[in-house]
């Protein structure tokens, strides 16, 4: 599951970059598709994270390792959820035509945040 989570997040970096490029060249459909795929990958990552927690065989109070594991991965998972919300708002704004080739700072901020998350 851990390797799959890594692949999912790295793939989401590709799809969100496709969204950015599409908006820059005026292809809103490509931008929408890039965001839809990115959001799907973000949700998939979150589900995989939940499965990993369920199958861990230890909990946060078992040991220092358990505490560090759940704090670090939980912190990262929280940022993925926040990033997904940020991208969801950006998707709505893109669908409403609020982002153009020359005006898309909000989208750029969401994309930069997502790249912070997928590192």
PDB file of N, CA and C in Angstrom:
ATOM      1  N   UNK A   1       0.832  -1.195   0.000  1.00  0.00           N
ATOM      2  CA  UNK A   1       0.000   0.000   0.000  1.00  0.00           C
ATOM      3  C   UNK A   1       0.876   1.258   0.000  1.00  0.00           C
ATOM      4  N   UNK A   2       2.003   1.232   0.702  1.00  0.00           N
ATOM      5  CA  UNK A   2       2.847   2.431   0.786  1.00  0.00           C
ATOM      6  C   UNK A   2       3.384   2.848  -0.576  1.00  0.00           C
ATOM      7  N   UNK A   3       3.875   1.875  -1.350  1.00  0.00           N
ATOM      8  CA  UNK A   3       4.396   2.195  -2.675  1.00  0.00           C
ATOM      9  C   UNK A   3       3.276   2.706  -3.574  1.00  0.00           C
ATOM     10  N   UNK A   4       2.116   2.082  -3.486  1.00  0.00           N
ATOM     11  CA  UNK A   4       0.977   2.529  -4.288  1.00  0.00           C
ATOM     12  C   UNK A   4       0.593   3.961  -3.921  1.00  0.00           C
ATOM     13  N   UNK A   5       0.601   4.291  -2.631  1.00  0.00           N
ATOM     14  CA  UNK A   5       0.319   5.663  -2.203  1.00  0.00           C
ATOM     15  C   UNK A   5       1.298   6.643  -2.838  1.00  0.00           C
ATOM     16  N   UNK A   6       2.564   6.274  -2.880  1.00  0.00           N
ATOM     17  CA  UNK A   6       3.579   7.139  -3.484  1.00  0.00           C
ATOM     18  C   UNK A   6       3.303   7.332  -4.970  1.00  0.00           C
ATOM     19  N   UNK A   7       2.995   6.253  -5.665  1.00  0.00           N
ATOM     20  CA  UNK A   7       2.698   6.327  -7.098  1.00  0.00           C
ATOM     21  C   UNK A   7       1.463   7.190  -7.344  1.00  0.00           C
ATOM     22  N   UNK A   8       0.447   7.034  -6.506  1.00  0.00           N
ATOM     23  CA  UNK A   8      -0.787   7.815  -6.649  1.00  0.00           C
ATOM     24  C   UNK A   8      -0.483   9.302  -6.506  1.00  0.00           C
ATOM     25  N   UNK A   9       0.273   9.677  -5.483  1.00  0.00           N
ATOM     26  CA  UNK A   9       0.562  11.101  -5.280  1.00  0.00           C
ATOM     27  C   UNK A   9       1.457  11.660  -6.375  1.00  0.00           C
ATOM     28  N   UNK A  10       2.459  10.907  -6.814  1.00  0.00           N
ATOM     29  CA  UNK A  10       3.308  11.391  -7.906  1.00  0.00           C
ATOM     30  C   UNK A  10       2.498  11.542  -9.195  1.00  0.00           C
ATOM     31  N   UNK A  11       1.582  10.620  -9.442  1.00  0.00           N
ATOM     32  CA  UNK A  11       0.706  10.726 -10.618  1.00  0.00           C
ATOM     33  C   UNK A  11      -0.177  11.960 -10.527  1.00  0.00           C
ATOM     34  N   UNK A  12      -0.634  12.279  -9.322  1.00  0.00           N
ATOM     35  CA  UNK A  12      -1.477  13.465  -9.160  1.00  0.00           C
ATOM     36  C   UNK A  12      -0.691  14.738  -9.453  1.00  0.00           C
ATOM     37  N   UNK A  13       0.609  14.707  -9.227  1.00  0.00           N
ATOM     38  CA  UNK A  13       1.443  15.854  -9.592  1.00  0.00           C
ATOM     39  C   UNK A  13       1.462  16.064 -11.098  1.00  0.00           C
ATOM     40  N   UNK A  14       1.449  14.967 -11.840  1.00  0.00           N
ATOM     41  CA  UNK A  14       1.420  15.044 -13.302  1.00  0.00           C
ATOM     42  C   UNK A  14       0.076  15.597 -13.773  1.00  0.00           C
ATOM     43  N   UNK A  15      -1.022  15.103 -13.198  1.00  0.00           N
ATOM     44  CA  UNK A  15      -2.344  15.538 -13.657  1.00  0.00           C
ATOM     45  C   UNK A  15      -2.624  16.995 -13.296  1.00  0.00           C
ATOM     46  N   UNK A  16      -2.143  17.447 -12.135  1.00  0.00           N
ATOM     47  CA  UNK A  16      -2.372  18.846 -11.768  1.00  0.00           C
ATOM     48  C   UNK A  16      -1.497  19.767 -12.627  1.00  0.00           C
ATOM     49  N   UNK A  17      -0.327  19.291 -13.038  1.00  0.00           N
ATOM     50  CA  UNK A  17       0.517  20.073 -13.945  1.00  0.00           C
ATOM     51  C   UNK A  17      -0.139  20.162 -15.319  1.00  0.00           C
ATOM     52  N   UNK A  18      -0.790  19.077 -15.744  1.00  0.00           N
ATOM     53  CA  UNK A  18      -1.547  19.104 -17.005  1.00  0.00           C
ATOM     54  C   UNK A  18      -2.657  20.155 -16.929  1.00  0.00           C
ATOM     55  N   UNK A  19      -3.335  20.215 -15.794  1.00  0.00           N
ATOM     56  CA  UNK A  19      -4.375  21.226 -15.590  1.00  0.00           C
ATOM     57  C   UNK A  19      -3.792  22.620 -15.753  1.00  0.00           C
ATOM     58  N   UNK A  20      -2.678  22.871 -15.099  1.00  0.00           N
ATOM     59  CA  UNK A  20      -2.045  24.189 -15.156  1.00  0.00           C
ATOM     60  C   UNK A  20      -1.677  24.554 -16.592  1.00  0.00           C
ATOM     61  N   UNK A  21      -1.033  23.640 -17.288  1.00  0.00           N
ATOM     62  CA  UNK A  21      -0.634  23.893 -18.668  1.00  0.00           C
ATOM     63  C   UNK A  21      -1.858  24.148 -19.545  1.00  0.00           C
ATOM     64  N   UNK A  22      -2.904  23.360 -19.352  1.00  0.00           N
ATOM     65  CA  UNK A  22      -4.118  23.521 -20.159  1.00  0.00           C
ATOM     66  C   UNK A  22      -4.728  24.904 -19.977  1.00  0.00           C
ATOM     67  N   UNK A  23      -4.817  25.371 -18.743  1.00  0.00           N
ATOM     68  CA  UNK A  23      -5.389  26.696 -18.487  1.00  0.00           C
ATOM     69  C   UNK A  23      -4.505  27.777 -19.111  1.00  0.00           C
ATOM     70  N   UNK A  24      -3.190  27.605 -19.038  1.00  0.00           N
ATOM     71  CA  UNK A  24      -2.277  28.600 -19.607  1.00  0.00           C
ATOM     72  C   UNK A  24      -2.434  28.747 -21.115  1.00  0.00           C
ATOM     73  N   UNK A  25      -2.830  27.665 -21.801  1.00  0.00           N
ATOM     74  CA  UNK A  25      -3.010  27.754 -23.251  1.00  0.00           C
ATOM     75  C   UNK A  25      -4.475  27.955 -23.640  1.00  0.00           C
ATOM     76  N   UNK A  26      -5.344  28.155 -22.645  1.00  0.00           N
ATOM     77  CA  UNK A  26      -6.748  28.440 -22.923  1.00  0.00           C
ATOM     78  C   UNK A  26      -7.621  27.218 -23.113  1.00  0.00           C
ATOM     79  N   UNK A  27      -7.136  26.046 -22.765  1.00  0.00           N
ATOM     80  CA  UNK A  27      -7.896  24.802 -22.895  1.00  0.00           C
ATOM     81  C   UNK A  27      -8.574  24.487 -21.559  1.00  0.00           C
ATOM     82  N   UNK A  28      -9.744  25.094 -21.327  1.00  0.00           N
ATOM     83  CA  UNK A  28     -10.432  24.891 -20.051  1.00  0.00           C
ATOM     84  C   UNK A  28     -10.887  23.451 -19.854  1.00  0.00           C
ATOM     85  N   UNK A  29     -11.267  22.769 -20.932  1.00  0.00           N
ATOM     86  CA  UNK A  29     -11.673  21.371 -20.796  1.00  0.00           C
ATOM     87  C   UNK A  29     -10.512  20.525 -20.274  1.00  0.00           C
ATOM     88  N   UNK A  30      -9.329  20.733 -20.830  1.00  0.00           N
ATOM     89  CA  UNK A  30      -8.144  20.021 -20.347  1.00  0.00           C
ATOM     90  C   UNK A  30      -7.853  20.354 -18.896  1.00  0.00           C
ATOM     91  N   UNK A  31      -8.073  21.622 -18.525  1.00  0.00           N
ATOM     92  CA  UNK A  31      -7.881  22.025 -17.135  1.00  0.00           C
ATOM     93  C   UNK A  31      -8.857  21.327 -16.208  1.00  0.00           C
ATOM     94  N   UNK A  32     -10.110  21.266 -16.627  1.00  0.00           N
ATOM     95  CA  UNK A  32     -11.133  20.583 -15.825  1.00  0.00           C
ATOM     96  C   UNK A  32     -10.782  19.106 -15.680  1.00  0.00           C
ATOM     97  N   UNK A  33     -10.408  18.468 -16.779  1.00  0.00           N
ATOM     98  CA  UNK A  33     -10.079  17.039 -16.715  1.00  0.00           C
ATOM     99  C   UNK A  33      -8.863  16.803 -15.818  1.00  0.00           C
ATOM    100  N   UNK A  34      -7.869  17.674 -15.903  1.00  0.00           N
ATOM    101  CA  UNK A  34      -6.701  17.542 -15.035  1.00  0.00           C
ATOM    102  C   UNK A  34      -7.076  17.631 -13.569  1.00  0.00           C
ATOM    103  N   UNK A  35      -7.957  18.581 -13.229  1.00  0.00           N
ATOM    104  CA  UNK A  35      -8.380  18.721 -11.832  1.00  0.00           C
ATOM    105  C   UNK A  35      -9.249  17.553 -11.382  1.00  0.00           C
ATOM    106  N   UNK A  36     -10.120  17.077 -12.252  1.00  0.00           N
ATOM    107  CA  UNK A  36     -10.975  15.937 -11.893  1.00  0.00           C
ATOM    108  C   UNK A  36     -10.112  14.708 -11.593  1.00  0.00           C
ATOM    109  N   UNK A  37      -9.134  14.437 -12.451  1.00  0.00           N
ATOM    110  CA  UNK A  37      -8.250  13.292 -12.209  1.00  0.00           C
ATOM    111  C   UNK A  37      -7.422  13.493 -10.943  1.00  0.00           C
ATOM    112  N   UNK A  38      -6.951  14.718 -10.719  1.00  0.00           N
ATOM    113  CA  UNK A  38      -6.163  14.997  -9.520  1.00  0.00           C
ATOM    114  C   UNK A  38      -6.998  14.782  -8.267  1.00  0.00           C
ATOM    115  N   UNK A  39      -8.223  15.286  -8.273  1.00  0.00           N
ATOM    116  CA  UNK A  39      -9.103  15.079  -7.121  1.00  0.00           C
ATOM    117  C   UNK A  39      -9.394  13.596  -6.901  1.00  0.00           C
ATOM    118  N   UNK A  40      -9.614  12.872  -7.976  1.00  0.00           N
ATOM    119  CA  UNK A  40      -9.840  11.430  -7.857  1.00  0.00           C
ATOM    120  C   UNK A  40      -8.647  10.722  -7.233  1.00  0.00           C
ATOM    121  N   UNK A  41      -7.454  11.106  -7.653  1.00  0.00           N
ATOM    122  CA  UNK A  41      -6.250  10.509  -7.077  1.00  0.00           C
ATOM    123  C   UNK A  41      -6.084  10.902  -5.611  1.00  0.00           C
ATOM    124  N   UNK A  42      -6.458  12.130  -5.265  1.00  0.00           N
ATOM    125  CA  UNK A  42      -6.392  12.562  -3.869  1.00  0.00           C
ATOM    126  C   UNK A  42      -7.340  11.766  -2.986  1.00  0.00           C
ATOM    127  N   UNK A  43      -8.545  11.526  -3.474  1.00  0.00           N
ATOM    128  CA  UNK A  43      -9.518  10.726  -2.717  1.00  0.00           C
ATOM    129  C   UNK A  43      -9.028   9.279  -2.608  1.00  0.00           C
ATOM    130  N   UNK A  44      -8.486   8.758  -3.698  1.00  0.00           N
ATOM    131  CA  UNK A  44      -7.959   7.393  -3.692  1.00  0.00           C
ATOM    132  C   UNK A  44      -6.824   7.265  -2.673  1.00  0.00           C
ATOM    133  N   UNK A  45      -5.932   8.255  -2.642  1.00  0.00           N
ATOM    134  CA  UNK A  45      -4.847   8.255  -1.657  1.00  0.00           C
ATOM    135  C   UNK A  45      -5.413   8.213  -0.241  1.00  0.00           C
ATOM    136  N   UNK A  46      -6.420   9.034   0.017  1.00  0.00           N
ATOM    137  CA  UNK A  46      -7.014   9.090   1.356  1.00  0.00           C
ATOM    138  C   UNK A  46      -7.620   7.739   1.741  1.00  0.00           C
ATOM    139  N   UNK A  47      -8.288   7.082   0.801  1.00  0.00           N
ATOM    140  CA  UNK A  47      -8.844   5.749   1.067  1.00  0.00           C
ATOM    141  C   UNK A  47      -7.739   4.728   1.341  1.00  0.00           C
ATOM    142  N   UNK A  48      -6.660   4.786   0.554  1.00  0.00           N
ATOM    143  CA  UNK A  48      -5.534   3.881   0.787  1.00  0.00           C
ATOM    144  C   UNK A  48      -4.898   4.129   2.150  1.00  0.00           C
ATOM    145  N   UNK A  49      -4.827   5.392   2.537  1.00  0.00           N
ATOM    146  CA  UNK A  49      -4.275   5.744   3.847  1.00  0.00           C
ATOM    147  C   UNK A  49      -5.126   5.121   4.957  1.00  0.00           C
ATOM    148  N   UNK A  50      -6.435   5.188   4.805  1.00  0.00           N
ATOM    149  CA  UNK A  50      -7.330   4.568   5.780  1.00  0.00           C
ATOM    150  C   UNK A  50      -7.134   3.061   5.849  1.00  0.00           C
ATOM    151  N   UNK A  51      -6.955   2.431   4.685  1.00  0.00           N
ATOM    152  CA  UNK A  51      -6.690   0.988   4.664  1.00  0.00           C
ATOM    153  C   UNK A  51      -5.371   0.672   5.364  1.00  0.00           C
ATOM    154  N   UNK A  52      -4.372   1.509   5.134  1.00  0.00           N
ATOM    155  CA  UNK A  52      -3.071   1.299   5.777  1.00  0.00           C
ATOM    156  C   UNK A  52      -3.198   1.396   7.296  1.00  0.00           C
ATOM    157  N   UNK A  53      -3.960   2.369   7.762  1.00  0.00           N
ATOM    158  CA  UNK A  53      -4.183   2.499   9.206  1.00  0.00           C
ATOM    159  C   UNK A  53      -4.886   1.266   9.762  1.00  0.00           C
ATOM    160  N   UNK A  54      -5.880   0.791   9.042  1.00  0.00           N
ATOM    161  CA  UNK A  54      -6.650  -0.367   9.485  1.00  0.00           C
ATOM    162  C   UNK A  54      -5.792  -1.630   9.560  1.00  0.00           C
ATOM    163  N   UNK A  55      -4.870  -1.777   8.617  1.00  0.00           N
ATOM    164  CA  UNK A  55      -4.039  -2.981   8.534  1.00  0.00           C
ATOM    165  C   UNK A  55      -2.717  -2.859   9.284  1.00  0.00           C
ATOM    166  N   UNK A  56      -2.482  -1.755   9.966  1.00  0.00           N
ATOM    167  CA  UNK A  56      -1.169  -1.491  10.567  1.00  0.00           C
ATOM    168  C   UNK A  56      -0.774  -2.522  11.622  1.00  0.00           C
ATOM    169  N   UNK A  57      -1.688  -3.035  12.382  1.00  0.00           N
ATOM    170  CA  UNK A  57      -1.350  -3.997  13.415  1.00  0.00           C
ATOM    171  C   UNK A  57      -0.842  -3.359  14.700  1.00  0.00           C
ATOM    172  N   UNK A  58      -0.853  -2.052  14.761  1.00  0.00           N
ATOM    173  CA  UNK A  58      -0.467  -1.317  15.969  1.00  0.00           C
ATOM    174  C   UNK A  58      -1.256  -0.022  15.982  1.00  0.00           C
ATOM    175  N   UNK A  59      -1.248   0.660  17.108  1.00  0.00           N
ATOM    176  CA  UNK A  59      -1.964   1.933  17.166  1.00  0.00           C
ATOM    177  C   UNK A  59      -1.071   3.014  17.761  1.00  0.00           C
ATOM    178  N   UNK A  60      -1.619   4.197  17.878  1.00  0.00           N
ATOM    179  CA  UNK A  60      -0.835   5.353  18.284  1.00  0.00           C
ATOM    180  C   UNK A  60      -0.286   5.228  19.700  1.00  0.00           C
ATOM    181  N   UNK A  61      -0.935   4.447  20.543  1.00  0.00           N
ATOM    182  CA  UNK A  61      -0.495   4.344  21.941  1.00  0.00           C
ATOM    183  C   UNK A  61       0.367   3.111  22.221  1.00  0.00           C
ATOM    184  N   UNK A  62       0.668   2.311  21.208  1.00  0.00           N
ATOM    185  CA  UNK A  62       1.471   1.099  21.417  1.00  0.00           C
ATOM    186  C   UNK A  62       2.940   1.379  21.705  1.00  0.00           C
ATOM    187  N   UNK A  63       3.511   2.339  20.996  1.00  0.00           N
ATOM    188  CA  UNK A  63       4.948   2.585  21.124  1.00  0.00           C
ATOM    189  C   UNK A  63       5.279   3.955  20.552  1.00  0.00           C
ATOM    190  N   UNK A  64       6.523   4.325  20.695  1.00  0.00           N
ATOM    191  CA  UNK A  64       6.981   5.577  20.092  1.00  0.00           C
ATOM    192  C   UNK A  64       6.836   5.485  18.573  1.00  0.00           C
ATOM    193  N   UNK A  65       7.162   4.329  18.003  1.00  0.00           N
ATOM    194  CA  UNK A  65       7.018   4.149  16.561  1.00  0.00           C
ATOM    195  C   UNK A  65       5.573   4.385  16.129  1.00  0.00           C
ATOM    196  N   UNK A  66       4.631   3.805  16.858  1.00  0.00           N
ATOM    197  CA  UNK A  66       3.220   3.996  16.524  1.00  0.00           C
ATOM    198  C   UNK A  66       2.820   5.454  16.596  1.00  0.00           C
ATOM    199  N   UNK A  67       3.299   6.136  17.635  1.00  0.00           N
ATOM    200  CA  UNK A  67       2.985   7.563  17.782  1.00  0.00           C
ATOM    201  C   UNK A  67       3.543   8.370  16.619  1.00  0.00           C
ATOM    202  N   UNK A  68       4.811   8.138  16.294  1.00  0.00           N
ATOM    203  CA  UNK A  68       5.447   8.883  15.200  1.00  0.00           C
ATOM    204  C   UNK A  68       4.790   8.543  13.868  1.00  0.00           C
ATOM    205  N   UNK A  69       4.524   7.266  13.639  1.00  0.00           N
ATOM    206  CA  UNK A  69       3.902   6.839  12.389  1.00  0.00           C
ATOM    207  C   UNK A  69       2.555   7.519  12.174  1.00  0.00           C
ATOM    208  N   UNK A  70       1.688   7.437  13.168  1.00  0.00           N
ATOM    209  CA  UNK A  70       0.348   7.998  13.004  1.00  0.00           C
ATOM    210  C   UNK A  70       0.365   9.526  12.972  1.00  0.00           C
ATOM    211  N   UNK A  71       1.270  10.149  13.712  1.00  0.00           N
ATOM    212  CA  UNK A  71       1.354  11.618  13.674  1.00  0.00           C
ATOM    213  C   UNK A  71       1.865  12.091  12.312  1.00  0.00           C
ATOM    214  N   UNK A  72       2.928  11.477  11.818  1.00  0.00           N
ATOM    215  CA  UNK A  72       3.511  11.910  10.542  1.00  0.00           C
ATOM    216  C   UNK A  72       2.568  11.643   9.372  1.00  0.00           C
ATOM    217  N   UNK A  73       2.034  10.431   9.305  1.00  0.00           N
ATOM    218  CA  UNK A  73       1.148  10.114   8.184  1.00  0.00           C
ATOM    219  C   UNK A  73      -0.200  10.818   8.323  1.00  0.00           C
ATOM    220  N   UNK A  74      -0.648  11.011   9.558  1.00  0.00           N
ATOM    221  CA  UNK A  74      -1.897  11.744   9.778  1.00  0.00           C
ATOM    222  C   UNK A  74      -1.767  13.202   9.384  1.00  0.00           C
ATOM    223  N   UNK A  75      -0.626  13.801   9.715  1.00  0.00           N
ATOM    224  CA  UNK A  75      -0.359  15.190   9.332  1.00  0.00           C
ATOM    225  C   UNK A  75      -0.358  15.319   7.812  1.00  0.00           C
ATOM    226  N   UNK A  76       0.286  14.367   7.145  1.00  0.00           N
ATOM    227  CA  UNK A  76       0.322  14.392   5.683  1.00  0.00           C
ATOM    228  C   UNK A  76      -1.072  14.168   5.102  1.00  0.00           C
ATOM    229  N   UNK A  77      -1.802  13.203   5.653  1.00  0.00           N
ATOM    230  CA  UNK A  77      -3.164  12.942   5.180  1.00  0.00           C
ATOM    231  C   UNK A  77      -4.071  14.147   5.347  1.00  0.00           C
ATOM    232  N   UNK A  78      -3.914  14.858   6.466  1.00  0.00           N
ATOM    233  CA  UNK A  78      -4.687  16.082   6.690  1.00  0.00           C
ATOM    234  C   UNK A  78      -4.398  17.103   5.589  1.00  0.00           C
ATOM    235  N   UNK A  79      -3.125  17.247   5.221  1.00  0.00           N
ATOM    236  CA  UNK A  79      -2.773  18.190   4.159  1.00  0.00           C
ATOM    237  C   UNK A  79      -3.332  17.752   2.806  1.00  0.00           C
ATOM    238  N   UNK A  80      -3.407  16.455   2.568  1.00  0.00           N
ATOM    239  CA  UNK A  80      -4.018  15.962   1.328  1.00  0.00           C
ATOM    240  C   UNK A  80      -5.501  16.328   1.299  1.00  0.00           C
ATOM    241  N   UNK A  81      -6.186  16.178   2.414  1.00  0.00           N
ATOM    242  CA  UNK A  81      -7.611  16.534   2.478  1.00  0.00           C
ATOM    243  C   UNK A  81      -7.800  18.031   2.253  1.00  0.00           C
ATOM    244  N   UNK A  82      -6.984  18.860   2.906  1.00  0.00           N
ATOM    245  CA  UNK A  82      -7.065  20.316   2.705  1.00  0.00           C
ATOM    246  C   UNK A  82      -6.774  20.660   1.245  1.00  0.00           C
ATOM    247  N   UNK A  83      -5.754  20.033   0.669  1.00  0.00           N
ATOM    248  CA  UNK A  83      -5.430  20.276  -0.735  1.00  0.00           C
ATOM    249  C   UNK A  83      -6.555  19.858  -1.662  1.00  0.00           C
ATOM    250  N   UNK A  84      -7.214  18.749  -1.344  1.00  0.00           N
ATOM    251  CA  UNK A  84      -8.350  18.300  -2.155  1.00  0.00           C
ATOM    252  C   UNK A  84      -9.489  19.313  -2.101  1.00  0.00           C
ATOM    253  N   UNK A  85      -9.737  19.865  -0.928  1.00  0.00           N
ATOM    254  CA  UNK A  85     -10.768  20.907  -0.804  1.00  0.00           C
ATOM    255  C   UNK A  85     -10.385  22.142  -1.615  1.00  0.00           C
ATOM    256  N   UNK A  86      -9.124  22.535  -1.520  1.00  0.00           N
ATOM    257  CA  UNK A  86      -8.601  23.683  -2.263  1.00  0.00           C
ATOM    258  C   UNK A  86      -8.771  23.452  -3.772  1.00  0.00           C
ATOM    259  N   UNK A  87      -8.432  22.252  -4.236  1.00  0.00           N
ATOM    260  CA  UNK A  87      -8.587  21.936  -5.656  1.00  0.00           C
ATOM    261  C   UNK A  87     -10.057  21.832  -6.052  1.00  0.00           C
ATOM    262  N   UNK A  88     -10.908  21.363  -5.146  1.00  0.00           N
ATOM    263  CA  UNK A  88     -12.342  21.299  -5.423  1.00  0.00           C
ATOM    264  C   UNK A  88     -12.936  22.681  -5.648  1.00  0.00           C
ATOM    265  N   UNK A  89     -12.532  23.637  -4.813  1.00  0.00           N
ATOM    266  CA  UNK A  89     -12.979  25.024  -4.998  1.00  0.00           C
ATOM    267  C   UNK A  89     -12.444  25.558  -6.323  1.00  0.00           C
ATOM    268  N   UNK A  90     -11.203  25.239  -6.639  1.00  0.00           N
ATOM    269  CA  UNK A  90     -10.616  25.685  -7.909  1.00  0.00           C
ATOM    270  C   UNK A  90     -11.346  25.071  -9.097  1.00  0.00           C
ATOM    271  N   UNK A  91     -11.755  23.813  -8.968  1.00  0.00           N
ATOM    272  CA  UNK A  91     -12.520  23.168 -10.038  1.00  0.00           C
ATOM    273  C   UNK A  91     -13.843  23.891 -10.252  1.00  0.00           C
ATOM    274  N   UNK A  92     -14.533  24.214  -9.163  1.00  0.00           N
ATOM    275  CA  UNK A  92     -15.801  24.945  -9.278  1.00  0.00           C
ATOM    276  C   UNK A  92     -15.575  26.291  -9.959  1.00  0.00           C
ATOM    277  N   UNK A  93     -14.525  26.985  -9.565  1.00  0.00           N
ATOM    278  CA  UNK A  93     -14.234  28.290 -10.171  1.00  0.00           C
ATOM    279  C   UNK A  93     -13.865  28.151 -11.644  1.00  0.00           C
ATOM    280  N   UNK A  94     -13.153  27.088 -11.990  1.00  0.00           N
ATOM    281  CA  UNK A  94     -12.797  26.856 -13.390  1.00  0.00           C
ATOM    282  C   UNK A  94     -14.057  26.574 -14.210  1.00  0.00           C
ATOM    283  N   UNK A  95     -14.964  25.781 -13.656  1.00  0.00           N
ATOM    284  CA  UNK A  95     -16.223  25.485 -14.348  1.00  0.00           C
ATOM    285  C   UNK A  95     -17.084  26.736 -14.518  1.00  0.00           C
ATOM    286  N   UNK A  96     -16.973  27.678 -13.576  1.00  0.00           N
ATOM    287  CA  UNK A  96     -17.726  28.934 -13.659  1.00  0.00           C
ATOM    288  C   UNK A  96     -17.043  29.970 -14.551  1.00  0.00           C
ATOM    289  N   UNK A  97     -15.901  29.619 -15.108  1.00  0.00           N
ATOM    290  CA  UNK A  97     -15.186  30.524 -16.000  1.00  0.00           C
ATOM    291  C   UNK A  97     -14.437  31.635 -15.289  1.00  0.00           C
ATOM    292  N   UNK A  98     -14.113  31.440 -14.017  1.00  0.00           N
ATOM    293  CA  UNK A  98     -13.428  32.480 -13.253  1.00  0.00           C
ATOM    294  C   UNK A  98     -11.914  32.461 -13.437  1.00  0.00           C
ATOM    295  N   UNK A  99     -11.389  31.435 -14.098  1.00  0.00           N
ATOM    296  CA  UNK A  99      -9.959  31.386 -14.400  1.00  0.00           C
ATOM    297  C   UNK A  99      -9.773  31.509 -15.901  1.00  0.00           C
ATOM    298  N   UNK A 100      -8.843  32.352 -16.298  1.00  0.00           N
ATOM    299  CA  UNK A 100      -8.529  32.531 -17.711  1.00  0.00           C
ATOM    300  C   UNK A 100      -7.024  32.371 -17.899  1.00  0.00           C
ATOM    301  N   UNK A 101      -6.586  32.504 -19.154  1.00  0.00           N
ATOM    302  CA  UNK A 101      -5.159  32.408 -19.442  1.00  0.00           C
ATOM    303  C   UNK A 101      -4.366  33.464 -18.680  1.00  0.00           C
ATOM    304  N   UNK A 102      -4.969  34.616 -18.477  1.00  0.00           N
ATOM    305  CA  UNK A 102      -4.234  35.711 -17.830  1.00  0.00           C
ATOM    306  C   UNK A 102      -4.595  35.912 -16.361  1.00  0.00           C
ATOM    307  N   UNK A 103      -5.702  35.357 -15.910  1.00  0.00           N
ATOM    308  CA  UNK A 103      -6.129  35.519 -14.516  1.00  0.00           C
ATOM    309  C   UNK A 103      -6.419  34.151 -13.900  1.00  0.00           C
ATOM    310  N   UNK A 104      -5.436  33.640 -13.174  1.00  0.00           N
ATOM    311  CA  UNK A 104      -5.590  32.311 -12.583  1.00  0.00           C
ATOM    312  C   UNK A 104      -4.722  32.140 -11.332  1.00  0.00           C
ATOM    313  N   UNK A 105      -4.538  33.219 -10.588  1.00  0.00           N
ATOM    314  CA  UNK A 105      -3.673  33.172  -9.404  1.00  0.00           C
ATOM    315  C   UNK A 105      -4.197  32.164  -8.373  1.00  0.00           C
ATOM    316  N   UNK A 106      -5.507  32.132  -8.149  1.00  0.00           N
ATOM    317  CA  UNK A 106      -6.070  31.187  -7.185  1.00  0.00           C
ATOM    318  C   UNK A 106      -5.775  29.745  -7.564  1.00  0.00           C
ATOM    319  N   UNK A 107      -5.876  29.451  -8.849  1.00  0.00           N
ATOM    320  CA  UNK A 107      -5.564  28.109  -9.331  1.00  0.00           C
ATOM    321  C   UNK A 107      -4.084  27.807  -9.141  1.00  0.00           C
ATOM    322  N   UNK A 108      -3.239  28.774  -9.466  1.00  0.00           N
ATOM    323  CA  UNK A 108      -1.786  28.590  -9.281  1.00  0.00           C
ATOM    324  C   UNK A 108      -1.462  28.289  -7.821  1.00  0.00           C
ATOM    325  N   UNK A 109      -2.107  28.998  -6.904  1.00  0.00           N
ATOM    326  CA  UNK A 109      -1.861  28.763  -5.468  1.00  0.00           C
ATOM    327  C   UNK A 109      -2.288  27.357  -5.068  1.00  0.00           C
ATOM    328  N   UNK A 110      -3.433  26.916  -5.570  1.00  0.00           N
ATOM    329  CA  UNK A 110      -3.903  25.560  -5.265  1.00  0.00           C
ATOM    330  C   UNK A 110      -2.936  24.520  -5.823  1.00  0.00           C
ATOM    331  N   UNK A 111      -2.433  24.771  -7.019  1.00  0.00           N
ATOM    332  CA  UNK A 111      -1.494  23.836  -7.648  1.00  0.00           C
ATOM    333  C   UNK A 111      -0.179  23.792  -6.879  1.00  0.00           C
ATOM    334  N   UNK A 112       0.333  24.933  -6.469  1.00  0.00           N
ATOM    335  CA  UNK A 112       1.572  24.958  -5.669  1.00  0.00           C
ATOM    336  C   UNK A 112       1.372  24.219  -4.357  1.00  0.00           C
ATOM    337  N   UNK A 113       0.226  24.426  -3.721  1.00  0.00           N
ATOM    338  CA  UNK A 113      -0.057  23.718  -2.471  1.00  0.00           C
ATOM    339  C   UNK A 113      -0.079  22.214  -2.721  1.00  0.00           C
ATOM    340  N   UNK A 114      -0.707  21.805  -3.815  1.00  0.00           N
ATOM    341  CA  UNK A 114      -0.784  20.379  -4.116  1.00  0.00           C
ATOM    342  C   UNK A 114       0.611  19.792  -4.342  1.00  0.00           C
ATOM    343  N   UNK A 115       1.470  20.531  -5.008  1.00  0.00           N
ATOM    344  CA  UNK A 115       2.839  20.041  -5.207  1.00  0.00           C
ATOM    345  C   UNK A 115       3.570  19.915  -3.870  1.00  0.00           C
ATOM    346  N   UNK A 116       3.275  20.800  -2.932  1.00  0.00           N
ATOM    347  CA  UNK A 116       3.823  20.668  -1.580  1.00  0.00           C
ATOM    348  C   UNK A 116       3.343  19.357  -0.959  1.00  0.00           C
ATOM    349  N   UNK A 117       2.094  19.012  -1.198  1.00  0.00           N
ATOM    350  CA  UNK A 117       1.510  17.788  -0.638  1.00  0.00           C
ATOM    351  C   UNK A 117       2.093  16.542  -1.304  1.00  0.00           C
ATOM    352  N   UNK A 118       2.304  16.581  -2.620  1.00  0.00           N
ATOM    353  CA  UNK A 118       2.733  15.347  -3.299  1.00  0.00           C
ATOM    354  C   UNK A 118       4.234  15.091  -3.211  1.00  0.00           C
ATOM    355  N   UNK A 119       4.960  15.949  -2.519  1.00  0.00           N
ATOM    356  CA  UNK A 119       6.407  15.724  -2.355  1.00  0.00           C
ATOM    357  C   UNK A 119       6.650  14.601  -1.380  1.00  0.00           C
TER     358      UNK A 119
END
